Amino acid sequence: MTPVELSRTVLSAVRRAVDGGELSVAVPARAVVTLPGPGGCGDYATNIALQLARPAGLPPREVAEILRPHLSGAVGVADVAITGPGFLNIRLGGGASAALVRDVLTRGPRYGHSDTLAGQVVELRVPYDARAEVIADALVRIVATQGGRAEVRHAEPVNLRPVPAPEDPAPLGPDAARWALLHPAPHDRPRITTDHLVQRESNPLFRVRYAHARTRALSRNAASLGQDSDPSDVRGPSDVRDPSDVRDPSDLHGPSTVRRPSDTLSPSAARRPSDVRDLSHVRDSSDVRDPSDMRDPSDLHGPSDVHLEGDLLAALAEYPHVLRLAATHRAPDRLARHLVGTADALLGFQHTVLPRGDEKPSAAHRARLALAEAAGTVLAGGLSLLGISAPDYL
């Protein structure tokens, strides 16, 4: 079940409660589904009970108790728990990760698009400033993903005025220049330095573009082994996370002004040896031997790999929500930071994709390859929205 499908499932639960006379409210047009916050559990959470409490004239937890049985009985839902003031935490049944990966691969660059801003015109009045114009240019594409239309003009009063760049970023080249202007939050002063050009782990732009190149290299190498991809469930039944093991999503990628990924490496990436080195002398990322390849193959699919897959699945599932936030808050930096988190999750996961040594390609390898290809789709799509290229070779 994808986040979009789960949102519809939540609305169906509300509709059944209303039809049964348990709630007296208007069924909302949409239900927000996100990753569980601090103190939450399961795969997803929704605040629909808090949203309906006032019009229903009931405490949020009572609304949640009314909705819980209707949601628990839905196809694809394994369990529903209530936490905090009335958050509904949902654990999905088997096949949830397969449905998510299949949705990404099927929709391709349009994954994460919605009609949130359908029919709306977002007017962007910007000063004559390079950074403001680059941010506005990215917002035109990001707003379009949510069904809206952004119109940019130089006029007063200005409603989009980011902190200007201290110097001309053009010498960095088009990709690095745009990243330097888009990655920091609009209220932060951008750094216009050659750090954006170095091919090292310390450079977030390099990590994102390198991660995309790695997904393409994995596909090429898999084809040479006769291995194809199949978006089946990545995790086996024994790998399903216990609710007590679900971490705060904000912990996955470090602190940020957004609730999700930031520039810092995810814990899963931090647990392994650095595998993003100075690769300026290498033409194809498939020619680089990952240090993690030196591990005993019997260690490749241990419990830690479940978390690596979980980090990447969480990043893919959160992408539509990040696009909505970037569009509605006029903040392409949210998208840029999420791409960094997705890249870090992919780089931590990549060593599990292809068989090693005497291993034969299995269903698990095919599922992991599909997950890696889905990550590549999201990375390429997100970079395209920012106006930055996603190379197949790096």
Protein backbone atom coordinates (compact mmCIF):
# COMPACT_ATOMS: atom_id res chain seq x y z
CA MET A 1 0.00 0.00 0.00
CA THR A 2 1.42 3.38 -1.01
CA PRO A 3 1.03 6.58 1.08
CA VAL A 4 -1.56 7.86 -1.42
CA GLU A 5 -3.55 4.63 -1.14
CA LEU A 6 -3.28 4.72 2.65
CA SER A 7 -4.60 8.29 2.68
CA ARG A 8 -7.64 7.09 0.74
CA THR A 9 -8.01 4.19 3.19
CA VAL A 10 -8.06 6.65 6.11
CA LEU A 11 -10.75 8.73 4.39
CA SER A 12 -12.78 5.58 3.74
CA ALA A 13 -12.60 4.79 7.47
CA VAL A 14 -13.90 8.28 8.26
CA ARG A 15 -16.68 7.88 5.71
CA ARG A 16 -17.76 4.54 7.25
CA ALA A 17 -17.84 6.10 10.72
CA VAL A 18 -19.95 8.99 9.41
CA ASP A 19 -22.31 6.68 7.51
CA GLY A 20 -22.71 4.58 10.65
CA GLY A 21 -23.69 7.61 12.73
CA GLU A 22 -20.61 7.36 14.95
CA LEU A 23 -19.26 10.72 13.80
CA SER A 24 -21.14 13.82 12.71
CA VAL A 25 -18.59 15.61 10.51
CA ALA A 26 -17.97 16.44 6.88
CA VAL A 27 -15.53 13.97 5.36
CA PRO A 28 -12.38 15.99 4.55
CA ALA A 29 -10.97 16.12 1.05
CA ARG A 30 -7.67 14.59 2.09
CA ALA A 31 -5.96 12.90 5.02
CA VAL A 32 -2.30 13.64 5.73
CA VAL A 33 -0.21 10.49 6.18
CA THR A 34 3.38 10.82 7.39
CA LEU A 35 6.05 8.76 9.11
CA PRO A 36 5.43 8.30 12.86
CA GLY A 37 6.83 11.08 15.04
CA PRO A 38 8.52 10.80 18.45
CA GLY A 39 6.64 8.29 20.58
CA GLY A 40 4.89 6.83 17.56
CA CYS A 41 5.08 3.35 16.12
CA GLY A 42 4.28 1.36 12.99
CA ASP A 43 4.90 2.37 9.38
CA TYR A 44 2.77 5.52 9.05
CA ALA A 45 0.78 7.92 11.21
CA THR A 46 -2.12 10.31 10.63
CA ASN A 47 -3.52 13.20 12.64
CA ILE A 48 -7.02 12.82 11.19
CA ALA A 49 -8.56 12.34 14.65
CA LEU A 50 -7.11 15.65 15.85
CA GLN A 51 -8.35 17.30 12.65
CA LEU A 52 -11.91 16.06 13.18
CA ALA A 53 -12.12 16.52 16.96
CA ARG A 54 -13.40 20.11 16.96
CA PRO A 55 -16.13 19.69 14.30
CA ALA A 56 -17.16 16.39 15.95
CA GLY A 57 -17.33 18.00 19.39
CA LEU A 58 -15.32 15.13 20.86
CA PRO A 59 -11.85 14.69 22.37
CA PRO A 60 -9.26 13.64 19.76
CA ARG A 61 -8.58 10.29 21.44
CA GLU A 62 -12.29 9.46 21.40
CA VAL A 63 -12.41 10.22 17.67
CA ALA A 64 -9.34 8.01 17.23
CA GLU A 65 -11.04 5.17 19.12
CA ILE A 66 -14.04 5.46 16.80
CA LEU A 67 -11.88 5.35 13.68
CA ARG A 68 -9.54 2.63 14.86
CA PRO A 69 -11.76 -0.43 14.14
CA HIS A 70 -12.75 0.92 10.73
CA LEU A 71 -9.08 1.39 9.84
CA SER A 72 -7.90 -1.89 11.38
CA GLY A 73 -10.23 -3.86 9.14
CA ALA A 74 -8.99 -2.31 5.92
CA VAL A 75 -7.15 -4.42 3.37
CA GLY A 76 -3.39 -4.05 3.75
CA VAL A 77 -3.55 -2.76 7.34
CA ALA A 78 -2.10 -5.13 9.94
CA ASP A 79 -2.56 -3.06 13.10
CA VAL A 80 -3.54 0.41 14.34
CA ALA A 81 -2.33 1.96 17.59
CA ILE A 82 -3.28 5.27 19.20
CA THR A 83 -0.52 7.40 20.68
CA GLY A 84 -0.25 10.86 22.21
CA PRO A 85 -3.32 13.08 22.06
CA GLY A 86 -4.90 10.95 19.32
CA PHE A 87 -2.49 10.06 16.56
CA LEU A 88 -3.39 6.89 14.65
CA ASN A 89 -0.26 4.82 14.02
CA ILE A 90 -0.65 2.28 11.24
CA ARG A 91 1.35 -0.88 10.65
CA LEU A 92 0.92 -2.27 7.16
CA GLY A 93 0.62 -5.91 6.23
CA GLY A 94 2.97 -7.83 3.96
CA GLY A 95 3.68 -6.39 0.53
CA ALA A 96 3.69 -2.74 1.65
CA SER A 97 7.27 -2.11 0.54
CA ALA A 98 6.65 -3.86 -2.78
CA ALA A 99 3.65 -1.62 -3.48
CA LEU A 100 5.69 1.49 -2.71
CA VAL A 101 8.57 0.47 -4.99
CA ARG A 102 6.17 -0.56 -7.74
CA ASP A 103 4.40 2.82 -7.48
CA VAL A 104 7.69 4.72 -7.81
CA LEU A 105 8.82 2.68 -10.81
CA THR A 106 5.42 2.84 -12.51
CA ARG A 107 4.97 6.59 -12.12
CA GLY A 108 8.61 7.40 -12.80
CA PRO A 109 9.38 11.13 -12.72
CA ARG A 110 5.74 11.82 -11.81
CA TYR A 111 6.00 9.96 -8.51
CA GLY A 112 5.04 12.37 -5.73
CA HIS A 113 2.89 14.56 -7.98
CA SER A 114 -0.57 15.44 -6.66
CA ASP A 115 -3.43 17.89 -7.12
CA THR A 116 -2.90 19.69 -3.80
CA LEU A 117 -2.61 23.07 -5.55
CA ALA A 118 -4.92 22.27 -8.48
CA GLY A 119 -6.37 25.43 -9.98
CA GLN A 120 -4.20 27.72 -7.86
CA VAL A 121 -1.89 30.40 -9.22
CA VAL A 122 1.13 31.09 -7.05
CA GLU A 123 2.46 34.57 -7.72
CA LEU A 124 6.19 34.95 -7.08
CA ARG A 125 7.33 38.58 -6.99
CA VAL A 126 11.12 38.64 -6.83
CA PRO A 127 13.84 41.28 -6.80
CA TYR A 128 16.53 41.52 -9.48
CA ASP A 129 18.77 39.04 -7.70
CA ALA A 130 20.38 35.84 -9.01
CA ARG A 131 19.45 33.69 -6.02
CA ALA A 132 15.83 34.85 -5.95
CA GLU A 133 15.50 34.11 -9.67
CA VAL A 134 17.02 30.61 -9.33
CA ILE A 135 14.71 29.76 -6.40
CA ALA A 136 11.69 31.07 -8.32
CA ASP A 137 12.71 29.02 -11.38
CA ALA A 138 12.82 25.83 -9.27
CA LEU A 139 9.50 26.69 -7.64
CA VAL A 140 7.79 26.92 -11.03
CA ARG A 141 8.52 23.23 -11.56
CA ILE A 142 7.87 22.18 -7.95
CA VAL A 143 4.50 23.96 -7.78
CA ALA A 144 3.53 22.29 -11.08
CA THR A 145 4.04 18.86 -9.46
CA GLN A 146 1.17 19.71 -7.12
CA GLY A 147 -1.17 20.85 -9.90
CA GLY A 148 -0.58 24.58 -9.44
CA ARG A 149 0.93 27.25 -11.67
CA ALA A 150 3.63 29.64 -10.49
CA GLU A 151 4.01 33.00 -12.18
CA VAL A 152 7.28 34.89 -11.70
CA ARG A 153 7.69 38.63 -12.15
CA HIS A 154 9.84 41.46 -10.91
CA ALA A 155 7.43 43.66 -8.99
CA GLU A 156 6.75 45.24 -5.64
CA PRO A 157 5.91 44.30 -3.01
CA VAL A 158 8.40 41.43 -3.20
CA ASN A 159 7.16 38.18 -1.59
CA LEU A 160 10.25 36.05 -2.26
CA ARG A 161 13.46 37.66 -1.04
CA PRO A 162 16.14 35.14 0.01
CA VAL A 163 19.46 36.24 1.47
CA PRO A 164 21.58 37.15 -1.60
CA ALA A 165 24.71 35.24 -2.52
CA PRO A 166 27.90 37.01 -1.40
CA GLU A 167 29.39 36.62 -4.88
CA ASP A 168 28.57 35.41 -8.37
CA PRO A 169 28.20 31.57 -8.32
CA ALA A 170 28.51 31.22 -12.12
CA PRO A 171 32.22 30.15 -12.03
CA LEU A 172 31.12 26.99 -10.18
CA GLY A 173 29.28 25.77 -13.29
CA PRO A 174 25.51 25.46 -13.73
CA ASP A 175 24.86 22.45 -11.48
CA ALA A 176 27.04 23.45 -8.54
CA ALA A 177 25.92 27.07 -8.80
CA ARG A 178 22.24 26.13 -8.59
CA TRP A 179 22.89 23.75 -5.69
CA ALA A 180 24.83 26.43 -3.81
CA LEU A 181 21.83 28.77 -4.09
CA LEU A 182 19.04 26.22 -3.53
CA HIS A 183 20.37 23.92 -0.82
CA PRO A 184 20.51 26.45 2.07
CA ALA A 185 17.22 27.71 3.49
CA PRO A 186 16.27 31.10 1.97
CA HIS A 187 17.08 32.90 5.23
CA ASP A 188 20.61 31.42 5.29
CA ARG A 189 23.51 32.97 3.43
CA PRO A 190 24.75 30.58 0.71
CA ARG A 191 28.41 29.54 0.53
CA ILE A 192 29.91 30.17 -2.89
CA THR A 193 33.04 28.04 -2.65
CA THR A 194 34.76 25.31 -4.60
CA ASP A 195 33.64 22.86 -1.88
CA HIS A 196 30.61 22.29 -4.11
CA LEU A 197 32.90 20.85 -6.79
CA VAL A 198 34.98 18.35 -4.82
CA GLN A 199 34.16 14.68 -5.25
CA ARG A 200 34.18 13.82 -1.58
CA GLU A 201 31.72 12.64 1.03
CA SER A 202 31.76 16.11 2.61
CA ASN A 203 30.03 17.53 -0.48
CA PRO A 204 26.23 16.92 -0.34
CA LEU A 205 25.77 17.61 -4.06
CA PHE A 206 28.38 15.00 -4.93
CA ARG A 207 26.72 12.46 -2.62
CA VAL A 208 23.36 12.94 -4.33
CA ARG A 209 24.70 12.74 -7.88
CA TYR A 210 27.05 9.87 -7.00
CA ALA A 211 24.18 7.94 -5.41
CA HIS A 212 22.18 8.31 -8.62
CA ALA A 213 25.17 7.11 -10.65
CA ARG A 214 25.48 4.12 -8.31
CA THR A 215 21.87 3.09 -9.00
CA ARG A 216 22.58 3.15 -12.72
CA ALA A 217 25.81 1.16 -12.21
CA LEU A 218 23.93 -1.42 -10.12
CA SER A 219 21.43 -1.88 -12.96
CA ARG A 220 24.22 -2.30 -15.51
CA ASN A 221 26.13 -4.75 -13.32
CA ALA A 222 22.97 -6.73 -12.55
CA ALA A 223 22.22 -7.01 -16.27
CA SER A 224 25.71 -8.40 -16.86
CA LEU A 225 24.94 -11.07 -14.24
CA GLY A 226 21.62 -11.89 -15.85
CA GLN A 227 19.76 -10.44 -12.86
CA ASP A 228 16.62 -8.40 -13.36
CA SER A 229 14.60 -6.39 -10.84
CA ASP A 230 11.27 -7.33 -9.33
CA PRO A 231 9.44 -4.99 -6.93
CA SER A 232 8.46 -7.69 -4.47
CA ASP A 233 8.57 -7.23 -0.70
CA VAL A 234 12.17 -6.40 0.23
CA ARG A 235 11.82 -7.62 3.79
CA GLY A 236 10.87 -11.18 4.60
CA PRO A 237 8.27 -11.98 7.28
CA SER A 238 10.98 -12.35 9.91
CA ASP A 239 12.31 -8.90 9.10
CA VAL A 240 9.16 -6.93 9.95
CA ARG A 241 10.03 -4.27 12.49
CA ASP A 242 8.59 -4.39 15.95
CA PRO A 243 6.77 -1.12 16.80
CA SER A 244 9.20 -0.55 19.67
CA ASP A 245 12.03 -0.58 17.15
CA VAL A 246 10.65 2.25 15.03
CA ARG A 247 12.81 5.32 15.38
CA ASP A 248 11.89 8.96 15.20
CA PRO A 249 12.13 9.78 11.47
CA SER A 250 13.99 12.98 12.33
CA ASP A 251 16.77 10.80 13.75
CA LEU A 252 17.38 9.11 10.40
CA HIS A 253 19.21 11.97 8.79
CA GLY A 254 20.16 14.41 11.52
CA PRO A 255 18.61 17.72 12.64
CA SER A 256 16.90 19.97 10.15
CA THR A 257 14.41 22.77 10.04
CA VAL A 258 12.24 20.24 8.21
CA ARG A 259 10.95 17.14 9.97
CA ARG A 260 12.92 14.90 7.64
CA PRO A 261 16.35 14.38 6.00
CA SER A 262 19.20 16.89 6.26
CA ASP A 263 22.76 17.10 5.00
CA THR A 264 24.22 14.81 7.59
CA LEU A 265 24.80 11.11 7.00
CA SER A 266 22.08 8.81 8.23
CA PRO A 267 22.95 6.58 11.20
CA SER A 268 23.02 3.62 8.83
CA ALA A 269 25.59 5.37 6.69
CA ALA A 270 27.59 6.43 9.73
CA ARG A 271 27.77 2.82 10.94
CA ARG A 272 29.72 1.67 7.90
CA PRO A 273 33.16 2.59 6.53
CA SER A 274 33.06 5.64 4.31
CA ASP A 275 32.36 4.46 0.79
CA VAL A 276 32.22 7.84 -0.92
CA ARG A 277 35.84 8.77 -1.44
CA ASP A 278 37.74 11.08 -3.75
CA LEU A 279 36.66 9.57 -7.07
CA SER A 280 37.85 12.31 -9.38
CA HIS A 281 40.14 9.83 -11.18
CA VAL A 282 37.38 7.29 -11.83
CA ARG A 283 35.23 7.48 -14.98
CA ASP A 284 32.46 5.08 -13.92
CA SER A 285 31.24 4.54 -10.40
CA SER A 286 30.79 0.85 -11.26
CA ASP A 287 34.60 0.60 -11.42
CA VAL A 288 34.94 1.52 -7.73
CA ARG A 289 35.10 -1.29 -5.24
CA ASP A 290 33.02 -0.42 -2.22
CA PRO A 291 34.96 -0.98 1.04
CA SER A 292 31.89 -2.70 2.40
CA ASP A 293 32.48 -5.39 -0.25
CA MET A 294 35.31 -6.67 1.94
CA ARG A 295 32.87 -8.02 4.50
CA ASP A 296 32.10 -11.68 4.92
CA PRO A 297 29.16 -12.41 2.56
CA SER A 298 27.41 -14.21 5.38
CA ASP A 299 27.12 -10.85 7.15
CA LEU A 300 25.41 -9.10 4.25
CA HIS A 301 21.85 -9.84 5.16
CA GLY A 302 21.90 -9.54 8.93
CA PRO A 303 19.53 -7.45 11.06
CA SER A 304 21.39 -4.21 10.29
CA ASP A 305 20.47 -4.56 6.62
CA VAL A 306 16.79 -4.45 7.57
CA HIS A 307 17.38 -0.96 8.94
CA LEU A 308 19.27 0.02 5.78
CA GLU A 309 16.28 -1.02 3.68
CA GLY A 310 13.91 0.65 6.13
CA ASP A 311 15.80 3.95 5.92
CA LEU A 312 15.60 3.92 2.12
CA LEU A 313 11.94 2.88 2.02
CA ALA A 314 11.12 5.65 4.51
CA ALA A 315 12.88 8.22 2.34
CA LEU A 316 10.94 7.11 -0.76
CA ALA A 317 7.64 7.08 1.11
CA GLU A 318 8.26 10.59 2.43
CA TYR A 319 9.13 12.10 -0.96
CA PRO A 320 5.53 13.07 -1.93
CA HIS A 321 5.09 14.82 1.43
CA VAL A 322 8.36 16.72 0.92
CA LEU A 323 7.25 17.85 -2.54
CA ARG A 324 3.99 19.18 -1.07
CA LEU A 325 5.88 21.06 1.63
CA ALA A 326 8.37 22.49 -0.87
CA ALA A 327 5.51 23.72 -3.06
CA THR A 328 3.23 25.10 -0.37
CA HIS A 329 6.02 26.73 1.67
CA ARG A 330 7.97 27.94 -1.38
CA ALA A 331 11.01 26.09 -0.09
CA PRO A 332 13.04 24.11 -2.66
CA ASP A 333 15.69 23.70 0.05
CA ARG A 334 13.40 21.11 1.67
CA LEU A 335 13.58 19.03 -1.49
CA ALA A 336 17.36 19.44 -1.71
CA ARG A 337 17.86 18.27 1.87
CA HIS A 338 15.56 15.30 1.33
CA LEU A 339 17.59 14.24 -1.69
CA VAL A 340 20.71 14.24 0.49
CA GLY A 341 18.98 11.99 3.01
CA THR A 342 17.77 9.67 0.25
CA ALA A 343 21.27 9.49 -1.22
CA ASP A 344 22.79 8.65 2.15
CA ALA A 345 20.22 5.89 2.67
CA LEU A 346 20.97 4.45 -0.79
CA LEU A 347 24.73 4.55 -0.24
CA GLY A 348 24.26 2.63 3.00
CA PHE A 349 22.02 0.06 1.30
CA GLN A 350 23.80 -0.47 -2.03
CA HIS A 351 26.13 -3.26 -0.88
CA THR A 352 23.15 -5.61 -0.36
CA VAL A 353 21.84 -5.37 -3.93
CA LEU A 354 24.08 -7.70 -5.96
CA PRO A 355 25.08 -11.28 -5.10
CA ARG A 356 28.62 -11.85 -3.80
CA GLY A 357 31.06 -14.67 -4.24
CA ASP A 358 29.22 -17.95 -4.70
CA GLU A 359 25.79 -16.39 -4.14
CA LYS A 360 23.22 -16.87 -6.88
CA PRO A 361 20.74 -14.10 -7.79
CA SER A 362 17.68 -14.60 -5.61
CA ALA A 363 14.25 -13.02 -5.18
CA ALA A 364 15.73 -10.87 -2.41
CA HIS A 365 18.41 -9.54 -4.79
CA ARG A 366 15.79 -8.76 -7.42
CA ALA A 367 13.68 -6.91 -4.85
CA ARG A 368 16.67 -4.92 -3.60
CA LEU A 369 17.62 -4.00 -7.16
CA ALA A 370 14.09 -2.70 -7.73
CA LEU A 371 14.36 -0.64 -4.52
CA ALA A 372 17.70 0.81 -5.67
CA GLU A 373 16.21 1.65 -9.08
CA ALA A 374 13.28 3.34 -7.35
CA ALA A 375 15.74 5.43 -5.34
CA GLY A 376 17.47 6.39 -8.58
CA THR A 377 14.12 7.48 -10.00
CA VAL A 378 13.45 9.75 -7.02
CA LEU A 379 16.98 11.19 -7.06
CA ALA A 380 16.81 11.93 -10.78
CA GLY A 381 13.32 13.40 -10.51
CA GLY A 382 14.23 15.61 -7.56
CA LEU A 383 17.42 16.88 -9.19
CA SER A 384 15.48 17.64 -12.37
CA LEU A 385 13.00 19.75 -10.41
CA LEU A 386 15.92 21.73 -9.02
CA GLY A 387 17.34 22.15 -12.54
CA ILE A 388 20.39 19.98 -11.84
CA SER A 389 21.62 17.10 -13.98
CA ALA A 390 21.68 13.48 -12.75
CA PRO A 391 24.59 11.71 -14.47
CA ASP A 392 24.52 7.98 -15.23
CA TYR A 393 28.32 7.90 -14.85
CA LEU A 394 30.35 9.82 -12.31
